[in-house]
Amino acid sequence: MADKIKLLVAFLLIVAGVVGYYALQDSAAVLRVLSVLLGVMFAAGVFWTTESGKRFFGFATESVAEAKRVVWPTRKETMQTTGVVILFALLMALFLWAVDASLLLIVNKLMGRGE
């Protein structure tokens, strides 16, 4: 039950930040944006104390660690793969155009509309 109350408080903090944005309509844009950011930051702090928040932040930490272990392709490999994909797309476009034109020609001949 305490977690549900904390989640409600986090949601209300975000709403308060958005309301502050509109309440400070005549103020500088920096203050308006700051009100939203503060609402989100305080909401994140409250969310962090909930069980689901702890699981979420643990998952996020593990995701960052996993992304660091990924072996990313080199620039040369990326360019080669992109070239192959573009070439394949062009060849498929030409093939599908040829099939479409052939079927159109066959249908027109069968319907007596041919030249």
N, C-alpha and C. Protein backbone atom coordinates (compact mmCIF):
# COMPACT_ATOMS: atom_id res chain seq x y z
N MET A 1 0.83 -1.20 0.00
CA MET A 1 0.00 0.00 0.00
C MET A 1 0.87 1.26 0.00
N ALA A 2 2.00 1.20 0.71
CA ALA A 2 2.88 2.36 0.79
C ALA A 2 3.46 2.68 -0.59
N ASP A 3 3.75 1.62 -1.36
CA ASP A 3 4.29 1.85 -2.70
C ASP A 3 3.27 2.56 -3.59
N LYS A 4 2.01 2.20 -3.45
CA LYS A 4 0.98 2.85 -4.27
C LYS A 4 0.86 4.32 -3.91
N ILE A 5 0.99 4.63 -2.64
CA ILE A 5 0.92 6.03 -2.21
C ILE A 5 2.13 6.79 -2.75
N LYS A 6 3.30 6.15 -2.70
CA LYS A 6 4.51 6.80 -3.23
C LYS A 6 4.39 7.03 -4.73
N LEU A 7 3.81 6.06 -5.45
CA LEU A 7 3.62 6.23 -6.89
C LEU A 7 2.65 7.37 -7.18
N LEU A 8 1.61 7.48 -6.37
CA LEU A 8 0.66 8.57 -6.52
C LEU A 8 1.36 9.92 -6.26
N VAL A 9 2.20 9.97 -5.23
CA VAL A 9 2.93 11.20 -4.92
C VAL A 9 3.87 11.55 -6.08
N ALA A 10 4.54 10.55 -6.65
CA ALA A 10 5.43 10.80 -7.79
C ALA A 10 4.64 11.37 -8.97
N PHE A 11 3.49 10.80 -9.23
CA PHE A 11 2.65 11.30 -10.32
C PHE A 11 2.22 12.73 -10.04
N LEU A 12 1.83 13.01 -8.80
CA LEU A 12 1.40 14.36 -8.45
C LEU A 12 2.55 15.36 -8.55
N LEU A 13 3.77 14.92 -8.27
CA LEU A 13 4.92 15.81 -8.43
C LEU A 13 5.14 16.18 -9.90
N ILE A 14 4.95 15.22 -10.77
CA ILE A 14 5.07 15.52 -12.21
C ILE A 14 3.96 16.48 -12.62
N VAL A 15 2.75 16.23 -12.16
CA VAL A 15 1.64 17.14 -12.47
C VAL A 15 1.92 18.53 -11.92
N ALA A 16 2.49 18.60 -10.71
CA ALA A 16 2.82 19.91 -10.13
C ALA A 16 3.85 20.64 -10.99
N GLY A 17 4.82 19.91 -11.53
CA GLY A 17 5.80 20.54 -12.42
C GLY A 17 5.17 21.10 -13.67
N VAL A 18 4.25 20.35 -14.24
CA VAL A 18 3.56 20.81 -15.45
C VAL A 18 2.66 22.00 -15.13
N VAL A 19 1.97 21.93 -14.01
CA VAL A 19 1.11 23.05 -13.59
C VAL A 19 1.98 24.28 -13.35
N GLY A 20 3.15 24.08 -12.74
CA GLY A 20 4.07 25.19 -12.53
C GLY A 20 4.52 25.83 -13.84
N TYR A 21 4.68 24.99 -14.85
CA TYR A 21 5.07 25.50 -16.17
C TYR A 21 4.02 26.51 -16.68
N TYR A 22 2.77 26.16 -16.53
CA TYR A 22 1.71 27.04 -17.01
C TYR A 22 1.43 28.18 -16.04
N ALA A 23 1.66 27.96 -14.75
CA ALA A 23 1.44 29.01 -13.76
C ALA A 23 2.49 30.12 -13.91
N LEU A 24 3.68 29.75 -14.35
CA LEU A 24 4.75 30.73 -14.54
C LEU A 24 4.76 31.26 -15.97
N GLN A 25 3.60 31.43 -16.52
CA GLN A 25 3.45 31.83 -17.92
C GLN A 25 4.14 33.16 -18.22
N ASP A 26 4.15 34.07 -17.26
CA ASP A 26 4.75 35.37 -17.50
C ASP A 26 6.23 35.41 -17.12
N SER A 27 6.76 34.32 -16.61
CA SER A 27 8.16 34.27 -16.19
C SER A 27 9.05 33.86 -17.35
N ALA A 28 10.35 33.87 -17.10
CA ALA A 28 11.33 33.47 -18.11
C ALA A 28 11.14 31.99 -18.45
N ALA A 29 11.48 31.64 -19.67
CA ALA A 29 11.31 30.26 -20.12
C ALA A 29 12.17 29.31 -19.30
N VAL A 30 13.31 29.79 -18.82
CA VAL A 30 14.19 28.94 -18.02
C VAL A 30 13.48 28.51 -16.73
N LEU A 31 12.78 29.41 -16.09
CA LEU A 31 12.05 29.07 -14.87
C LEU A 31 10.92 28.10 -15.14
N ARG A 32 10.26 28.27 -16.27
CA ARG A 32 9.16 27.38 -16.61
C ARG A 32 9.67 25.96 -16.84
N VAL A 33 10.74 25.85 -17.59
CA VAL A 33 11.32 24.53 -17.85
C VAL A 33 11.88 23.93 -16.56
N LEU A 34 12.48 24.77 -15.74
CA LEU A 34 13.04 24.32 -14.47
C LEU A 34 11.95 23.74 -13.57
N SER A 35 10.76 24.32 -13.59
CA SER A 35 9.68 23.78 -12.77
C SER A 35 9.31 22.36 -13.20
N VAL A 36 9.28 22.12 -14.50
CA VAL A 36 8.98 20.77 -14.99
C VAL A 36 10.11 19.82 -14.62
N LEU A 37 11.36 20.24 -14.83
CA LEU A 37 12.50 19.38 -14.51
C LEU A 37 12.54 19.04 -13.02
N LEU A 38 12.28 20.02 -12.18
CA LEU A 38 12.28 19.75 -10.74
C LEU A 38 11.16 18.78 -10.37
N GLY A 39 10.00 18.94 -10.97
CA GLY A 39 8.90 18.01 -10.72
C GLY A 39 9.26 16.59 -11.11
N VAL A 40 9.91 16.45 -12.27
CA VAL A 40 10.31 15.12 -12.74
C VAL A 40 11.42 14.55 -11.85
N MET A 41 12.38 15.40 -11.46
CA MET A 41 13.48 14.91 -10.61
C MET A 41 12.96 14.46 -9.24
N PHE A 42 12.10 15.26 -8.62
CA PHE A 42 11.54 14.86 -7.33
C PHE A 42 10.68 13.61 -7.46
N ALA A 43 9.94 13.51 -8.57
CA ALA A 43 9.13 12.32 -8.81
C ALA A 43 10.02 11.09 -8.97
N ALA A 44 11.14 11.26 -9.68
CA ALA A 44 12.08 10.14 -9.84
C ALA A 44 12.65 9.73 -8.49
N GLY A 45 12.93 10.71 -7.64
CA GLY A 45 13.44 10.39 -6.30
C GLY A 45 12.44 9.60 -5.49
N VAL A 46 11.18 9.99 -5.55
CA VAL A 46 10.14 9.26 -4.83
C VAL A 46 9.93 7.88 -5.45
N PHE A 47 9.94 7.82 -6.77
CA PHE A 47 9.76 6.55 -7.48
C PHE A 47 10.87 5.57 -7.13
N TRP A 48 12.08 6.10 -6.95
CA TRP A 48 13.24 5.28 -6.64
C TRP A 48 13.04 4.52 -5.32
N THR A 49 12.28 5.07 -4.41
CA THR A 49 12.09 4.45 -3.10
C THR A 49 11.06 3.32 -3.12
N THR A 50 10.33 3.17 -4.23
CA THR A 50 9.33 2.10 -4.31
C THR A 50 10.00 0.81 -4.78
N GLU A 51 9.33 -0.31 -4.58
CA GLU A 51 9.88 -1.60 -5.01
C GLU A 51 10.01 -1.67 -6.53
N SER A 52 8.98 -1.21 -7.23
CA SER A 52 9.04 -1.22 -8.70
C SER A 52 10.09 -0.23 -9.19
N GLY A 53 10.30 0.85 -8.47
CA GLY A 53 11.34 1.81 -8.85
C GLY A 53 12.73 1.21 -8.70
N LYS A 54 12.94 0.47 -7.61
CA LYS A 54 14.24 -0.18 -7.40
C LYS A 54 14.50 -1.20 -8.50
N ARG A 55 13.46 -1.96 -8.86
CA ARG A 55 13.62 -2.94 -9.95
C ARG A 55 13.93 -2.23 -11.27
N PHE A 56 13.23 -1.12 -11.53
CA PHE A 56 13.44 -0.38 -12.78
C PHE A 56 14.85 0.18 -12.86
N PHE A 57 15.31 0.82 -11.80
CA PHE A 57 16.64 1.40 -11.82
C PHE A 57 17.72 0.32 -11.86
N GLY A 58 17.46 -0.84 -11.23
CA GLY A 58 18.39 -1.97 -11.34
C GLY A 58 18.46 -2.47 -12.77
N PHE A 59 17.30 -2.58 -13.41
CA PHE A 59 17.26 -3.01 -14.81
C PHE A 59 18.00 -2.01 -15.69
N ALA A 60 17.80 -0.72 -15.45
CA ALA A 60 18.47 0.31 -16.26
C ALA A 60 19.98 0.22 -16.09
N THR A 61 20.44 0.00 -14.88
CA THR A 61 21.87 -0.13 -14.63
C THR A 61 22.45 -1.34 -15.35
N GLU A 62 21.74 -2.46 -15.27
CA GLU A 62 22.19 -3.67 -15.96
C GLU A 62 22.18 -3.48 -17.48
N SER A 63 21.21 -2.74 -17.99
CA SER A 63 21.13 -2.49 -19.43
C SER A 63 22.31 -1.67 -19.91
N VAL A 64 22.70 -0.67 -19.14
CA VAL A 64 23.86 0.15 -19.51
C VAL A 64 25.12 -0.72 -19.49
N ALA A 65 25.26 -1.55 -18.47
CA ALA A 65 26.43 -2.43 -18.39
C ALA A 65 26.46 -3.39 -19.57
N GLU A 66 25.30 -3.91 -19.96
CA GLU A 66 25.23 -4.83 -21.10
C GLU A 66 25.57 -4.12 -22.40
N ALA A 67 25.11 -2.88 -22.56
CA ALA A 67 25.42 -2.12 -23.78
C ALA A 67 26.91 -1.85 -23.90
N LYS A 68 27.59 -1.72 -22.78
CA LYS A 68 29.05 -1.50 -22.81
C LYS A 68 29.79 -2.74 -23.25
N ARG A 69 29.20 -3.92 -23.05
CA ARG A 69 29.85 -5.17 -23.44
C ARG A 69 29.63 -5.53 -24.90
N VAL A 70 28.74 -4.83 -25.57
CA VAL A 70 28.44 -5.13 -26.97
C VAL A 70 29.64 -4.77 -27.84
N VAL A 71 29.96 -5.64 -28.78
CA VAL A 71 31.03 -5.36 -29.74
C VAL A 71 30.37 -4.69 -30.94
N TRP A 72 30.60 -3.39 -31.06
CA TRP A 72 29.98 -2.62 -32.14
C TRP A 72 30.79 -2.78 -33.42
N PRO A 73 30.13 -2.77 -34.58
CA PRO A 73 30.87 -2.92 -35.84
C PRO A 73 31.73 -1.69 -36.12
N THR A 74 32.79 -1.92 -36.90
CA THR A 74 33.65 -0.80 -37.28
C THR A 74 32.94 0.04 -38.33
N ARG A 75 33.50 1.20 -38.62
CA ARG A 75 32.92 2.07 -39.64
C ARG A 75 32.92 1.36 -41.00
N LYS A 76 34.00 0.65 -41.30
CA LYS A 76 34.10 -0.05 -42.59
C LYS A 76 33.01 -1.12 -42.70
N GLU A 77 32.82 -1.91 -41.64
CA GLU A 77 31.78 -2.94 -41.65
C GLU A 77 30.40 -2.32 -41.80
N THR A 78 30.16 -1.22 -41.13
CA THR A 78 28.87 -0.54 -41.22
C THR A 78 28.61 -0.04 -42.64
N MET A 79 29.63 0.56 -43.25
CA MET A 79 29.47 1.07 -44.62
C MET A 79 29.23 -0.08 -45.61
N GLN A 80 29.95 -1.18 -45.44
CA GLN A 80 29.77 -2.33 -46.33
C GLN A 80 28.36 -2.91 -46.18
N THR A 81 27.91 -3.07 -44.96
CA THR A 81 26.57 -3.61 -44.73
C THR A 81 25.50 -2.68 -45.29
N THR A 82 25.68 -1.38 -45.08
CA THR A 82 24.73 -0.41 -45.63
C THR A 82 24.70 -0.48 -47.15
N GLY A 83 25.87 -0.61 -47.77
CA GLY A 83 25.94 -0.73 -49.23
C GLY A 83 25.20 -1.97 -49.73
N VAL A 84 25.37 -3.09 -49.04
CA VAL A 84 24.69 -4.33 -49.43
C VAL A 84 23.18 -4.16 -49.31
N VAL A 85 22.73 -3.54 -48.24
CA VAL A 85 21.29 -3.34 -48.04
C VAL A 85 20.71 -2.44 -49.12
N ILE A 86 21.40 -1.35 -49.44
CA ILE A 86 20.91 -0.44 -50.49
C ILE A 86 20.89 -1.13 -51.84
N LEU A 87 21.95 -1.89 -52.16
CA LEU A 87 21.99 -2.62 -53.42
C LEU A 87 20.86 -3.64 -53.51
N PHE A 88 20.63 -4.37 -52.43
CA PHE A 88 19.54 -5.35 -52.41
C PHE A 88 18.18 -4.67 -52.60
N ALA A 89 18.00 -3.52 -51.94
CA ALA A 89 16.73 -2.80 -52.08
C ALA A 89 16.51 -2.35 -53.53
N LEU A 90 17.57 -1.87 -54.17
CA LEU A 90 17.45 -1.45 -55.57
C LEU A 90 17.15 -2.63 -56.48
N LEU A 91 17.84 -3.75 -56.26
CA LEU A 91 17.58 -4.93 -57.08
C LEU A 91 16.16 -5.45 -56.89
N MET A 92 15.68 -5.45 -55.66
CA MET A 92 14.31 -5.88 -55.40
C MET A 92 13.31 -4.94 -56.06
N ALA A 93 13.60 -3.64 -56.02
CA ALA A 93 12.70 -2.67 -56.66
C ALA A 93 12.63 -2.93 -58.16
N LEU A 94 13.77 -3.17 -58.77
CA LEU A 94 13.78 -3.46 -60.21
C LEU A 94 13.06 -4.77 -60.51
N PHE A 95 13.28 -5.78 -59.70
CA PHE A 95 12.62 -7.07 -59.89
C PHE A 95 11.10 -6.92 -59.77
N LEU A 96 10.65 -6.25 -58.73
CA LEU A 96 9.21 -6.07 -58.55
C LEU A 96 8.60 -5.21 -59.64
N TRP A 97 9.35 -4.22 -60.13
CA TRP A 97 8.86 -3.42 -61.26
C TRP A 97 8.70 -4.30 -62.49
N ALA A 98 9.69 -5.19 -62.74
CA ALA A 98 9.63 -6.08 -63.90
C ALA A 98 8.44 -7.04 -63.78
N VAL A 99 8.22 -7.59 -62.60
CA VAL A 99 7.08 -8.50 -62.40
C VAL A 99 5.77 -7.75 -62.61
N ASP A 100 5.67 -6.55 -62.05
CA ASP A 100 4.45 -5.76 -62.18
C ASP A 100 4.19 -5.41 -63.64
N ALA A 101 5.22 -4.98 -64.36
CA ALA A 101 5.05 -4.63 -65.77
C ALA A 101 4.66 -5.85 -66.60
N SER A 102 5.26 -6.99 -66.28
CA SER A 102 4.94 -8.22 -67.02
C SER A 102 3.49 -8.63 -66.77
N LEU A 103 3.06 -8.60 -65.52
CA LEU A 103 1.68 -8.96 -65.22
C LEU A 103 0.70 -7.99 -65.86
N LEU A 104 1.03 -6.72 -65.88
CA LEU A 104 0.17 -5.73 -66.53
C LEU A 104 0.05 -6.02 -68.02
N LEU A 105 1.17 -6.36 -68.62
CA LEU A 105 1.17 -6.68 -70.05
C LEU A 105 0.32 -7.93 -70.32
N ILE A 106 0.47 -8.96 -69.49
CA ILE A 106 -0.29 -10.20 -69.67
C ILE A 106 -1.78 -9.95 -69.48
N VAL A 107 -2.16 -9.20 -68.45
CA VAL A 107 -3.58 -8.91 -68.20
C VAL A 107 -4.17 -8.10 -69.34
N ASN A 108 -3.43 -7.12 -69.84
CA ASN A 108 -3.93 -6.31 -70.97
C ASN A 108 -4.10 -7.17 -72.22
N LYS A 109 -3.19 -8.12 -72.48
CA LYS A 109 -3.32 -9.01 -73.64
C LYS A 109 -4.55 -9.91 -73.49
N LEU A 110 -4.74 -10.43 -72.26
CA LEU A 110 -5.88 -11.34 -72.04
C LEU A 110 -7.22 -10.60 -72.15
N MET A 111 -7.23 -9.32 -71.83
CA MET A 111 -8.48 -8.55 -71.88
C MET A 111 -8.67 -7.87 -73.24
N GLY A 112 -7.74 -8.09 -74.15
CA GLY A 112 -7.90 -7.54 -75.48
C GLY A 112 -7.56 -6.06 -75.56
N ARG A 113 -6.89 -5.53 -74.60
CA ARG A 113 -6.52 -4.13 -74.63
C ARG A 113 -5.07 -3.94 -75.10
N GLY A 114 -4.45 -5.00 -75.55
CA GLY A 114 -3.05 -4.92 -75.97
C GLY A 114 -2.89 -4.17 -77.26
N GLU A 115 -1.67 -3.90 -77.59
CA GLU A 115 -1.37 -3.11 -78.81
C GLU A 115 -1.48 -3.92 -80.04
